[in-house]
PDB file of N, CA and C in Angstrom:
ATOM      1  N   MET A   1     -17.364 -56.966-133.587  1.00  0.00           N
ATOM      2  CA  MET A   1     -16.772 -56.855-132.267  1.00  0.00           C
ATOM      3  C   MET A   1     -17.834 -56.315-131.318  1.00  0.00           C
ATOM      4  N   SER A   2     -17.974 -56.950-130.173  1.00  0.00           N
ATOM      5  CA  SER A   2     -18.965 -56.518-129.185  1.00  0.00           C
ATOM      6  C   SER A   2     -18.479 -55.260-128.461  1.00  0.00           C
ATOM      7  N   SER A   3     -19.390 -54.600-127.785  1.00  0.00           N
ATOM      8  CA  SER A   3     -19.026 -53.412-127.000  1.00  0.00           C
ATOM      9  C   SER A   3     -18.026 -53.775-125.911  1.00  0.00           C
ATOM     10  N   ARG A   4     -18.186 -54.936-125.316  1.00  0.00           N
ATOM     11  CA  ARG A   4     -17.249 -55.381-124.279  1.00  0.00           C
ATOM     12  C   ARG A   4     -15.851 -55.564-124.859  1.00  0.00           C
ATOM     13  N   GLU A   5     -15.765 -56.145-126.040  1.00  0.00           N
ATOM     14  CA  GLU A   5     -14.467 -56.326-126.694  1.00  0.00           C
ATOM     15  C   GLU A   5     -13.860 -54.991-127.106  1.00  0.00           C
ATOM     16  N   THR A   6     -14.697 -54.086-127.585  1.00  0.00           N
ATOM     17  CA  THR A   6     -14.222 -52.752-127.965  1.00  0.00           C
ATOM     18  C   THR A   6     -13.681 -52.017-126.746  1.00  0.00           C
ATOM     19  N   LEU A   7     -14.399 -52.064-125.645  1.00  0.00           N
ATOM     20  CA  LEU A   7     -13.932 -51.432-124.412  1.00  0.00           C
ATOM     21  C   LEU A   7     -12.602 -52.025-123.984  1.00  0.00           C
ATOM     22  N   ALA A   8     -12.496 -53.339-124.000  1.00  0.00           N
ATOM     23  CA  ALA A   8     -11.262 -54.010-123.589  1.00  0.00           C
ATOM     24  C   ALA A   8     -10.079 -53.528-124.431  1.00  0.00           C
ATOM     25  N   ARG A   9     -10.264 -53.504-125.739  1.00  0.00           N
ATOM     26  CA  ARG A   9      -9.202 -53.077-126.651  1.00  0.00           C
ATOM     27  C   ARG A   9      -8.835 -51.617-126.428  1.00  0.00           C
ATOM     28  N   ASN A  10      -9.834 -50.743-126.378  1.00  0.00           N
ATOM     29  CA  ASN A  10      -9.564 -49.313-126.242  1.00  0.00           C
ATOM     30  C   ASN A  10      -8.946 -48.967-124.895  1.00  0.00           C
ATOM     31  N   LEU A  11      -9.409 -49.594-123.858  1.00  0.00           N
ATOM     32  CA  LEU A  11      -8.862 -49.325-122.528  1.00  0.00           C
ATOM     33  C   LEU A  11      -7.373 -49.664-122.500  1.00  0.00           C
ATOM     34  N   ARG A  12      -7.014 -50.811-123.038  1.00  0.00           N
ATOM     35  CA  ARG A  12      -5.615 -51.223-123.068  1.00  0.00           C
ATOM     36  C   ARG A  12      -4.789 -50.286-123.959  1.00  0.00           C
ATOM     37  N   ILE A  13      -5.291 -49.974-125.151  1.00  0.00           N
ATOM     38  CA  ILE A  13      -4.561 -49.096-126.083  1.00  0.00           C
ATOM     39  C   ILE A  13      -4.320 -47.727-125.457  1.00  0.00           C
ATOM     40  N   LEU A  14      -5.352 -47.142-124.877  1.00  0.00           N
ATOM     41  CA  LEU A  14      -5.219 -45.801-124.293  1.00  0.00           C
ATOM     42  C   LEU A  14      -4.317 -45.806-123.062  1.00  0.00           C
ATOM     43  N   ARG A  15      -4.423 -46.829-122.247  1.00  0.00           N
ATOM     44  CA  ARG A  15      -3.572 -46.917-121.052  1.00  0.00           C
ATOM     45  C   ARG A  15      -2.102 -47.016-121.450  1.00  0.00           C
ATOM     46  N   VAL A  16      -1.810 -47.884-122.399  1.00  0.00           N
ATOM     47  CA  VAL A  16      -0.427 -48.063-122.847  1.00  0.00           C
ATOM     48  C   VAL A  16       0.086 -46.805-123.545  1.00  0.00           C
ATOM     49  N   ALA A  17      -0.757 -46.153-124.356  1.00  0.00           N
ATOM     50  CA  ALA A  17      -0.357 -44.926-125.050  1.00  0.00           C
ATOM     51  C   ALA A  17       0.043 -43.835-124.068  1.00  0.00           C
ATOM     52  N   ARG A  18      -0.524 -43.860-122.886  1.00  0.00           N
ATOM     53  CA  ARG A  18      -0.202 -42.855-121.868  1.00  0.00           C
ATOM     54  C   ARG A  18       0.894 -43.314-120.916  1.00  0.00           C
ATOM     55  N   GLY A  19       1.413 -44.504-121.162  1.00  0.00           N
ATOM     56  CA  GLY A  19       2.506 -45.011-120.333  1.00  0.00           C
ATOM     57  C   GLY A  19       2.077 -45.371-118.929  1.00  0.00           C
ATOM     58  N   LEU A  20       0.809 -45.750-118.771  1.00  0.00           N
ATOM     59  CA  LEU A  20       0.288 -46.084-117.446  1.00  0.00           C
ATOM     60  C   LEU A  20       0.234 -47.589-117.240  1.00  0.00           C
ATOM     61  N   SER A  21       0.616 -48.029-116.063  1.00  0.00           N
ATOM     62  CA  SER A  21       0.378 -49.418-115.687  1.00  0.00           C
ATOM     63  C   SER A  21      -1.085 -49.520-115.254  1.00  0.00           C
ATOM     64  N   GLN A  22      -1.576 -50.735-115.146  1.00  0.00           N
ATOM     65  CA  GLN A  22      -2.943 -50.902-114.640  1.00  0.00           C
ATOM     66  C   GLN A  22      -3.045 -50.316-113.242  1.00  0.00           C
ATOM     67  N   GLU A  23      -2.019 -50.517-112.446  1.00  0.00           N
ATOM     68  CA  GLU A  23      -2.041 -50.000-111.074  1.00  0.00           C
ATOM     69  C   GLU A  23      -2.101 -48.476-111.040  1.00  0.00           C
ATOM     70  N   ALA A  24      -1.311 -47.821-111.884  1.00  0.00           N
ATOM     71  CA  ALA A  24      -1.322 -46.348-111.924  1.00  0.00           C
ATOM     72  C   ALA A  24      -2.686 -45.831-112.368  1.00  0.00           C
ATOM     73  N   LEU A  25      -3.279 -46.479-113.365  1.00  0.00           N
ATOM     74  CA  LEU A  25      -4.603 -46.076-113.831  1.00  0.00           C
ATOM     75  C   LEU A  25      -5.638 -46.233-112.726  1.00  0.00           C
ATOM     76  N   THR A  26      -5.595 -47.344-112.042  1.00  0.00           N
ATOM     77  CA  THR A  26      -6.613 -47.616-111.029  1.00  0.00           C
ATOM     78  C   THR A  26      -6.436 -46.771-109.775  1.00  0.00           C
ATOM     79  N   ASP A  27      -5.211 -46.410-109.472  1.00  0.00           N
ATOM     80  CA  ASP A  27      -4.995 -45.529-108.315  1.00  0.00           C
ATOM     81  C   ASP A  27      -5.710 -44.198-108.532  1.00  0.00           C
ATOM     82  N   GLY A  28      -5.547 -43.630-109.712  1.00  0.00           N
ATOM     83  CA  GLY A  28      -6.178 -42.348-110.013  1.00  0.00           C
ATOM     84  C   GLY A  28      -7.684 -42.431-110.132  1.00  0.00           C
ATOM     85  N   ALA A  29      -8.174 -43.572-110.621  1.00  0.00           N
ATOM     86  CA  ALA A  29      -9.609 -43.742-110.833  1.00  0.00           C
ATOM     87  C   ALA A  29     -10.301 -44.376-109.627  1.00  0.00           C
ATOM     88  N   THR A  30      -9.537 -44.698-108.610  1.00  0.00           N
ATOM     89  CA  THR A  30     -10.036 -45.372-107.399  1.00  0.00           C
ATOM     90  C   THR A  30     -10.903 -46.592-107.737  1.00  0.00           C
ATOM     91  N   ILE A  31     -10.314 -47.468-108.540  1.00  0.00           N
ATOM     92  CA  ILE A  31     -10.927 -48.726-108.959  1.00  0.00           C
ATOM     93  C   ILE A  31      -9.891 -49.822-108.721  1.00  0.00           C
ATOM     94  N   ALA A  32     -10.319 -51.002-108.370  1.00  0.00           N
ATOM     95  CA  ALA A  32      -9.400 -52.110-108.110  1.00  0.00           C
ATOM     96  C   ALA A  32      -8.665 -52.528-109.389  1.00  0.00           C
ATOM     97  N   ARG A  33      -7.368 -52.812-109.261  1.00  0.00           N
ATOM     98  CA  ARG A  33      -6.564 -53.225-110.403  1.00  0.00           C
ATOM     99  C   ARG A  33      -7.101 -54.510-111.021  1.00  0.00           C
ATOM    100  N   SER A  34      -7.562 -55.429-110.191  1.00  0.00           N
ATOM    101  CA  SER A  34      -8.097 -56.690-110.712  1.00  0.00           C
ATOM    102  C   SER A  34      -9.336 -56.452-111.574  1.00  0.00           C
ATOM    103  N   TYR A  35     -10.096 -55.418-111.264  1.00  0.00           N
ATOM    104  CA  TYR A  35     -11.283 -55.077-112.047  1.00  0.00           C
ATOM    105  C   TYR A  35     -10.878 -54.556-113.425  1.00  0.00           C
ATOM    106  N   VAL A  36      -9.881 -53.678-113.468  1.00  0.00           N
ATOM    107  CA  VAL A  36      -9.406 -53.160-114.748  1.00  0.00           C
ATOM    108  C   VAL A  36      -8.791 -54.289-115.571  1.00  0.00           C
ATOM    109  N   SER A  37      -8.094 -55.181-114.923  1.00  0.00           N
ATOM    110  CA  SER A  37      -7.542 -56.333-115.621  1.00  0.00           C
ATOM    111  C   SER A  37      -8.658 -57.155-116.256  1.00  0.00           C
ATOM    112  N   ALA A  38      -9.730 -57.380-115.521  1.00  0.00           N
ATOM    113  CA  ALA A  38     -10.879 -58.125-116.052  1.00  0.00           C
ATOM    114  C   ALA A  38     -11.539 -57.369-117.204  1.00  0.00           C
ATOM    115  N   LEU A  39     -11.610 -56.048-117.111  1.00  0.00           N
ATOM    116  CA  LEU A  39     -12.162 -55.242-118.211  1.00  0.00           C
ATOM    117  C   LEU A  39     -11.299 -55.386-119.455  1.00  0.00           C
ATOM    118  N   GLU A  40      -9.991 -55.304-119.286  1.00  0.00           N
ATOM    119  CA  GLU A  40      -9.082 -55.377-120.428  1.00  0.00           C
ATOM    120  C   GLU A  40      -9.076 -56.765-121.069  1.00  0.00           C
ATOM    121  N   ARG A  41      -9.458 -57.776-120.334  1.00  0.00           N
ATOM    122  CA  ARG A  41      -9.552 -59.131-120.882  1.00  0.00           C
ATOM    123  C   ARG A  41     -10.956 -59.432-121.392  1.00  0.00           C
ATOM    124  N   GLY A  42     -11.870 -58.476-121.251  1.00  0.00           N
ATOM    125  CA  GLY A  42     -13.240 -58.667-121.713  1.00  0.00           C
ATOM    126  C   GLY A  42     -14.035 -59.612-120.834  1.00  0.00           C
ATOM    127  N   GLN A  43     -13.606 -59.797-119.601  1.00  0.00           N
ATOM    128  CA  GLN A  43     -14.270 -60.712-118.682  1.00  0.00           C
ATOM    129  C   GLN A  43     -15.241 -60.029-117.741  1.00  0.00           C
ATOM    130  N   SER A  44     -15.315 -58.718-117.842  1.00  0.00           N
ATOM    131  CA  SER A  44     -16.205 -57.960-116.972  1.00  0.00           C
ATOM    132  C   SER A  44     -16.779 -56.802-117.772  1.00  0.00           C
ATOM    133  N   SER A  45     -17.897 -56.285-117.318  1.00  0.00           N
ATOM    134  CA  SER A  45     -18.469 -55.095-117.943  1.00  0.00           C
ATOM    135  C   SER A  45     -18.445 -53.970-116.923  1.00  0.00           C
ATOM    136  N   ALA A  46     -18.527 -52.753-117.406  1.00  0.00           N
ATOM    137  CA  ALA A  46     -18.375 -51.595-116.526  1.00  0.00           C
ATOM    138  C   ALA A  46     -19.655 -50.778-116.457  1.00  0.00           C
ATOM    139  N   SER A  47     -19.879 -50.195-115.298  1.00  0.00           N
ATOM    140  CA  SER A  47     -20.993 -49.260-115.151  1.00  0.00           C
ATOM    141  C   SER A  47     -20.597 -47.932-115.789  1.00  0.00           C
ATOM    142  N   VAL A  48     -21.561 -47.108-116.058  1.00  0.00           N
ATOM    143  CA  VAL A  48     -21.300 -45.791-116.635  1.00  0.00           C
ATOM    144  C   VAL A  48     -20.431 -44.971-115.681  1.00  0.00           C
ATOM    145  N   ASP A  49     -20.680 -45.070-114.396  1.00  0.00           N
ATOM    146  CA  ASP A  49     -19.879 -44.310-113.435  1.00  0.00           C
ATOM    147  C   ASP A  49     -18.409 -44.716-113.496  1.00  0.00           C
ATOM    148  N   ARG A  50     -18.148 -45.997-113.602  1.00  0.00           N
ATOM    149  CA  ARG A  50     -16.749 -46.454-113.686  1.00  0.00           C
ATOM    150  C   ARG A  50     -16.133 -46.074-115.019  1.00  0.00           C
ATOM    151  N   LEU A  51     -16.916 -46.135-116.088  1.00  0.00           N
ATOM    152  CA  LEU A  51     -16.403 -45.680-117.380  1.00  0.00           C
ATOM    153  C   LEU A  51     -16.019 -44.210-117.298  1.00  0.00           C
ATOM    154  N   ASP A  52     -16.845 -43.421-116.643  1.00  0.00           N
ATOM    155  CA  ASP A  52     -16.537 -41.992-116.475  1.00  0.00           C
ATOM    156  C   ASP A  52     -15.212 -41.796-115.743  1.00  0.00           C
ATOM    157  N   ARG A  53     -14.991 -42.553-114.672  1.00  0.00           N
ATOM    158  CA  ARG A  53     -13.751 -42.414-113.894  1.00  0.00           C
ATOM    159  C   ARG A  53     -12.531 -42.832-114.711  1.00  0.00           C
ATOM    160  N   LEU A  54     -12.656 -43.938-115.437  1.00  0.00           N
ATOM    161  CA  LEU A  54     -11.540 -44.392-116.269  1.00  0.00           C
ATOM    162  C   LEU A  54     -11.246 -43.391-117.384  1.00  0.00           C
ATOM    163  N   ALA A  55     -12.282 -42.908-118.039  1.00  0.00           N
ATOM    164  CA  ALA A  55     -12.102 -41.932-119.116  1.00  0.00           C
ATOM    165  C   ALA A  55     -11.438 -40.662-118.592  1.00  0.00           C
ATOM    166  N   ARG A  56     -11.883 -40.187-117.445  1.00  0.00           N
ATOM    167  CA  ARG A  56     -11.300 -38.982-116.857  1.00  0.00           C
ATOM    168  C   ARG A  56      -9.805 -39.193-116.613  1.00  0.00           C
ATOM    169  N   GLU A  57      -9.459 -40.332-116.067  1.00  0.00           N
ATOM    170  CA  GLU A  57      -8.059 -40.638-115.764  1.00  0.00           C
ATOM    171  C   GLU A  57      -7.227 -40.765-117.046  1.00  0.00           C
ATOM    172  N   LEU A  58      -7.846 -41.239-118.116  1.00  0.00           N
ATOM    173  CA  LEU A  58      -7.151 -41.388-119.396  1.00  0.00           C
ATOM    174  C   LEU A  58      -7.178 -40.107-120.228  1.00  0.00           C
ATOM    175  N   GLY A  59      -7.931 -39.115-119.792  1.00  0.00           N
ATOM    176  CA  GLY A  59      -7.977 -37.832-120.483  1.00  0.00           C
ATOM    177  C   GLY A  59      -8.788 -37.839-121.765  1.00  0.00           C
ATOM    178  N   VAL A  60      -9.832 -38.679-121.801  1.00  0.00           N
ATOM    179  CA  VAL A  60     -10.713 -38.735-122.973  1.00  0.00           C
ATOM    180  C   VAL A  60     -12.161 -38.619-122.524  1.00  0.00           C
ATOM    181  N   GLU A  61     -13.031 -38.336-123.465  1.00  0.00           N
ATOM    182  CA  GLU A  61     -14.461 -38.369-123.178  1.00  0.00           C
ATOM    183  C   GLU A  61     -14.884 -39.824-123.039  1.00  0.00           C
ATOM    184  N   THR A  62     -15.889 -40.078-122.243  1.00  0.00           N
ATOM    185  CA  THR A  62     -16.328 -41.442-121.968  1.00  0.00           C
ATOM    186  C   THR A  62     -16.683 -42.213-123.236  1.00  0.00           C
ATOM    187  N   TYR A  63     -17.354 -41.569-124.172  1.00  0.00           N
ATOM    188  CA  TYR A  63     -17.779 -42.264-125.385  1.00  0.00           C
ATOM    189  C   TYR A  63     -16.603 -42.815-126.191  1.00  0.00           C
ATOM    190  N   VAL A  64     -15.427 -42.221-126.052  1.00  0.00           N
ATOM    191  CA  VAL A  64     -14.249 -42.677-126.792  1.00  0.00           C
ATOM    192  C   VAL A  64     -13.901 -44.119-126.421  1.00  0.00           C
ATOM    193  N   LEU A  65     -14.162 -44.495-125.194  1.00  0.00           N
ATOM    194  CA  LEU A  65     -13.853 -45.858-124.757  1.00  0.00           C
ATOM    195  C   LEU A  65     -14.651 -46.910-125.526  1.00  0.00           C
ATOM    196  N   LEU A  66     -15.759 -46.511-126.139  1.00  0.00           N
ATOM    197  CA  LEU A  66     -16.620 -47.457-126.848  1.00  0.00           C
ATOM    198  C   LEU A  66     -16.606 -47.273-128.367  1.00  0.00           C
ATOM    199  N   MET A  67     -15.712 -46.432-128.863  1.00  0.00           N
ATOM    200  CA  MET A  67     -15.637 -46.205-130.306  1.00  0.00           C
ATOM    201  C   MET A  67     -14.930 -47.360-130.996  1.00  0.00           C
ATOM    202  N   LYS A  68     -15.482 -47.811-132.112  1.00  0.00           N
ATOM    203  CA  LYS A  68     -14.869 -48.899-132.881  1.00  0.00           C
ATOM    204  C   LYS A  68     -13.493 -48.487-133.397  1.00  0.00           C
ATOM    205  N   ASP A  69     -13.355 -47.247-133.848  1.00  0.00           N
ATOM    206  CA  ASP A  69     -12.091 -46.720-134.344  1.00  0.00           C
ATOM    207  C   ASP A  69     -11.712 -45.516-133.491  1.00  0.00           C
ATOM    208  N   LEU A  70     -10.618 -45.633-132.764  1.00  0.00           N
ATOM    209  CA  LEU A  70     -10.178 -44.514-131.931  1.00  0.00           C
ATOM    210  C   LEU A  70      -9.697 -43.363-132.799  1.00  0.00           C
ATOM    211  N   PRO A  71     -10.105 -42.132-132.482  1.00  0.00           N
ATOM    212  CA  PRO A  71      -9.603 -40.986-133.237  1.00  0.00           C
ATOM    213  C   PRO A  71      -8.126 -40.776-132.921  1.00  0.00           C
ATOM    214  N   PRO A  72      -7.328 -40.352-133.893  1.00  0.00           N
ATOM    215  CA  PRO A  72      -5.887 -40.173-133.679  1.00  0.00           C
ATOM    216  C   PRO A  72      -5.556 -39.275-132.478  1.00  0.00           C
ATOM    217  N   GLU A  73      -6.364 -38.249-132.264  1.00  0.00           N
ATOM    218  CA  GLU A  73      -6.059 -37.343-131.140  1.00  0.00           C
ATOM    219  C   GLU A  73      -6.220 -38.023-129.784  1.00  0.00           C
ATOM    220  N   ALA A  74      -6.999 -39.080-129.712  1.00  0.00           N
ATOM    221  CA  ALA A  74      -7.172 -39.809-128.447  1.00  0.00           C
ATOM    222  C   ALA A  74      -5.916 -40.584-128.084  1.00  0.00           C
ATOM    223  N   LEU A  75      -5.083 -40.877-129.067  1.00  0.00           N
ATOM    224  CA  LEU A  75      -3.881 -41.673-128.825  1.00  0.00           C
ATOM    225  C   LEU A  75      -2.700 -40.834-128.364  1.00  0.00           C
ATOM    226  N   LYS A  76      -2.852 -39.529-128.417  1.00  0.00           N
ATOM    227  CA  LYS A  76      -1.771 -38.648-127.969  1.00  0.00           C
ATOM    228  C   LYS A  76      -1.807 -38.536-126.457  1.00  0.00           C
ATOM    229  N   ALA A  77      -0.659 -38.677-125.863  1.00  0.00           N
ATOM    230  CA  ALA A  77      -0.569 -38.642-124.394  1.00  0.00           C
ATOM    231  C   ALA A  77      -0.785 -37.264-123.843  1.00  0.00           C
TER     232      ALA A  77
END
């Protein structure tokens, strides 16, 4: 699995685990919803700054977004 695919999977899993819509996530991270949608579909890549904003909004460290196996504690809301 590529890093882009891993990011797409983890972003979606973490967002859903926290009960957030794409719109709610992007409002807090000040990122366009269409951009997050493209990330979750693996059609776009993210800068480190945007990864930082998304991770902050999801309540995880940035590196967690790129982990092949999410740690169980990351899935807790």
